[in-house]
């Protein structure tokens, strides 16, 4: 069984720190917005750990270069269920 990762050890100097936090939680993922977010995340040395953490723990927002729908697909492929998904299936 896969083990969830620990929260990444961010340095505080990641590119997302100088980007409006609301940009990472859009109502819709428009192509120009996704390109901007991918540039920000693509320039970050923490992209991998951030994405892996988000796959396991985040159901909204844009983390580590991945949108929420992209993370859902990855979870499905890996057989990972996060807390919010477990609540939804129990209802």
C-alpha atoms as a PDB file:
ATOM      1  CA  UNK A   1       0.000   0.000   0.000  1.00  0.00           C
ATOM      2  CA  UNK A   2       1.205   3.471  -0.834  1.00  0.00           C
ATOM      3  CA  UNK A   3       2.059   5.802   2.019  1.00  0.00           C
ATOM      4  CA  UNK A   4       1.004   9.459   1.907  1.00  0.00           C
ATOM      5  CA  UNK A   5       3.866  11.951   1.902  1.00  0.00           C
ATOM      6  CA  UNK A   6       4.671  14.372   4.682  1.00  0.00           C
ATOM      7  CA  UNK A   7       3.947  18.046   4.175  1.00  0.00           C
ATOM      8  CA  UNK A   8       6.750  19.451   1.972  1.00  0.00           C
ATOM      9  CA  UNK A   9       9.476  21.499   3.633  1.00  0.00           C
ATOM     10  CA  UNK A  10       8.929  24.754   1.782  1.00  0.00           C
ATOM     11  CA  UNK A  11      11.620  27.420   2.079  1.00  0.00           C
ATOM     12  CA  UNK A  12       9.348  30.440   1.688  1.00  0.00           C
ATOM     13  CA  UNK A  13      11.163  31.427  -1.498  1.00  0.00           C
ATOM     14  CA  UNK A  14       9.000  29.407  -3.906  1.00  0.00           C
ATOM     15  CA  UNK A  15       7.577  31.322  -6.916  1.00  0.00           C
ATOM     16  CA  UNK A  16       4.020  30.833  -5.648  1.00  0.00           C
ATOM     17  CA  UNK A  17       4.848  32.995  -2.619  1.00  0.00           C
ATOM     18  CA  UNK A  18       5.012  36.081  -4.851  1.00  0.00           C
ATOM     19  CA  UNK A  19       1.804  35.191  -6.731  1.00  0.00           C
ATOM     20  CA  UNK A  20      -1.691  36.179  -5.627  1.00  0.00           C
ATOM     21  CA  UNK A  21      -2.913  33.172  -3.584  1.00  0.00           C
ATOM     22  CA  UNK A  22      -6.378  33.479  -5.114  1.00  0.00           C
ATOM     23  CA  UNK A  23      -4.849  32.669  -8.517  1.00  0.00           C
ATOM     24  CA  UNK A  24      -4.367  29.091  -7.304  1.00  0.00           C
ATOM     25  CA  UNK A  25      -8.071  28.645  -6.514  1.00  0.00           C
ATOM     26  CA  UNK A  26      -9.915  29.704  -9.687  1.00  0.00           C
ATOM     27  CA  UNK A  27     -13.613  29.106 -10.274  1.00  0.00           C
ATOM     28  CA  UNK A  28     -12.745  27.670 -13.691  1.00  0.00           C
ATOM     29  CA  UNK A  29      -9.493  26.654 -15.334  1.00  0.00           C
ATOM     30  CA  UNK A  30      -9.217  28.872 -18.408  1.00  0.00           C
ATOM     31  CA  UNK A  31      -6.324  28.064 -20.789  1.00  0.00           C
ATOM     32  CA  UNK A  32      -4.446  31.340 -20.228  1.00  0.00           C
ATOM     33  CA  UNK A  33      -4.794  30.958 -16.466  1.00  0.00           C
ATOM     34  CA  UNK A  34      -3.524  27.361 -16.552  1.00  0.00           C
ATOM     35  CA  UNK A  35      -0.512  28.432 -18.646  1.00  0.00           C
ATOM     36  CA  UNK A  36       0.358  31.094 -16.048  1.00  0.00           C
ATOM     37  CA  UNK A  37       0.023  28.614 -13.169  1.00  0.00           C
ATOM     38  CA  UNK A  38       2.101  25.999 -14.999  1.00  0.00           C
ATOM     39  CA  UNK A  39       4.856  28.608 -15.502  1.00  0.00           C
ATOM     40  CA  UNK A  40       4.835  29.504 -11.813  1.00  0.00           C
ATOM     41  CA  UNK A  41       4.905  25.862 -10.702  1.00  0.00           C
ATOM     42  CA  UNK A  42       7.323  24.826 -13.442  1.00  0.00           C
ATOM     43  CA  UNK A  43       9.900  27.307 -12.134  1.00  0.00           C
ATOM     44  CA  UNK A  44       9.748  25.833  -8.635  1.00  0.00           C
ATOM     45  CA  UNK A  45      12.163  23.236  -7.259  1.00  0.00           C
ATOM     46  CA  UNK A  46       9.361  22.073  -4.935  1.00  0.00           C
ATOM     47  CA  UNK A  47       6.940  21.239  -7.755  1.00  0.00           C
ATOM     48  CA  UNK A  48       7.256  17.459  -7.336  1.00  0.00           C
ATOM     49  CA  UNK A  49       6.838  17.306  -3.558  1.00  0.00           C
ATOM     50  CA  UNK A  50       4.035  19.889  -3.708  1.00  0.00           C
ATOM     51  CA  UNK A  51       2.161  17.913  -6.377  1.00  0.00           C
ATOM     52  CA  UNK A  52       2.595  14.607  -4.533  1.00  0.00           C
ATOM     53  CA  UNK A  53       1.316  16.136  -1.290  1.00  0.00           C
ATOM     54  CA  UNK A  54      -1.682  17.623  -3.086  1.00  0.00           C
ATOM     55  CA  UNK A  55      -2.534  14.331  -4.769  1.00  0.00           C
ATOM     56  CA  UNK A  56      -3.002  12.843  -1.306  1.00  0.00           C
ATOM     57  CA  UNK A  57      -4.524  15.753   0.603  1.00  0.00           C
ATOM     58  CA  UNK A  58      -5.972  18.554  -1.548  1.00  0.00           C
ATOM     59  CA  UNK A  59      -9.252  18.391  -3.436  1.00  0.00           C
ATOM     60  CA  UNK A  60      -9.411  22.036  -4.563  1.00  0.00           C
ATOM     61  CA  UNK A  61      -6.977  24.490  -6.074  1.00  0.00           C
ATOM     62  CA  UNK A  62      -3.901  24.270  -8.224  1.00  0.00           C
ATOM     63  CA  UNK A  63      -0.894  22.618  -6.544  1.00  0.00           C
ATOM     64  CA  UNK A  64       2.446  21.523  -7.936  1.00  0.00           C
ATOM     65  CA  UNK A  65       1.428  22.117 -11.527  1.00  0.00           C
ATOM     66  CA  UNK A  66      -1.771  20.059 -11.240  1.00  0.00           C
ATOM     67  CA  UNK A  67      -5.393  21.153 -11.239  1.00  0.00           C
ATOM     68  CA  UNK A  68      -7.971  19.496  -9.004  1.00  0.00           C
ATOM     69  CA  UNK A  69      -9.385  17.407 -11.907  1.00  0.00           C
ATOM     70  CA  UNK A  70      -5.866  16.266 -12.856  1.00  0.00           C
ATOM     71  CA  UNK A  71      -5.205  15.184  -9.278  1.00  0.00           C
ATOM     72  CA  UNK A  72      -8.531  13.304  -9.168  1.00  0.00           C
ATOM     73  CA  UNK A  73      -7.506  11.338 -12.284  1.00  0.00           C
ATOM     74  CA  UNK A  74      -4.129  10.502 -10.735  1.00  0.00           C
ATOM     75  CA  UNK A  75      -5.814   9.370  -7.506  1.00  0.00           C
ATOM     76  CA  UNK A  76      -8.166   7.191  -9.513  1.00  0.00           C
ATOM     77  CA  UNK A  77      -5.256   5.613 -11.398  1.00  0.00           C
ATOM     78  CA  UNK A  78      -3.373   4.953  -8.167  1.00  0.00           C
ATOM     79  CA  UNK A  79      -6.396   3.862  -6.127  1.00  0.00           C
ATOM     80  CA  UNK A  80      -6.019   6.744  -3.643  1.00  0.00           C
ATOM     81  CA  UNK A  81      -9.126   8.063  -1.880  1.00  0.00           C
ATOM     82  CA  UNK A  82      -8.890  11.302   0.073  1.00  0.00           C
ATOM     83  CA  UNK A  83     -11.076  12.232   3.010  1.00  0.00           C
ATOM     84  CA  UNK A  84     -13.509  14.435   1.040  1.00  0.00           C
ATOM     85  CA  UNK A  85     -13.994  11.692  -1.548  1.00  0.00           C
ATOM     86  CA  UNK A  86     -14.676   9.141   1.186  1.00  0.00           C
ATOM     87  CA  UNK A  87     -17.329  11.447   2.711  1.00  0.00           C
ATOM     88  CA  UNK A  88     -19.003  11.850  -0.689  1.00  0.00           C
ATOM     89  CA  UNK A  89     -19.174   8.104  -1.326  1.00  0.00           C
ATOM     90  CA  UNK A  90     -20.637   7.475   2.147  1.00  0.00           C
ATOM     91  CA  UNK A  91     -23.471   9.966   1.641  1.00  0.00           C
END
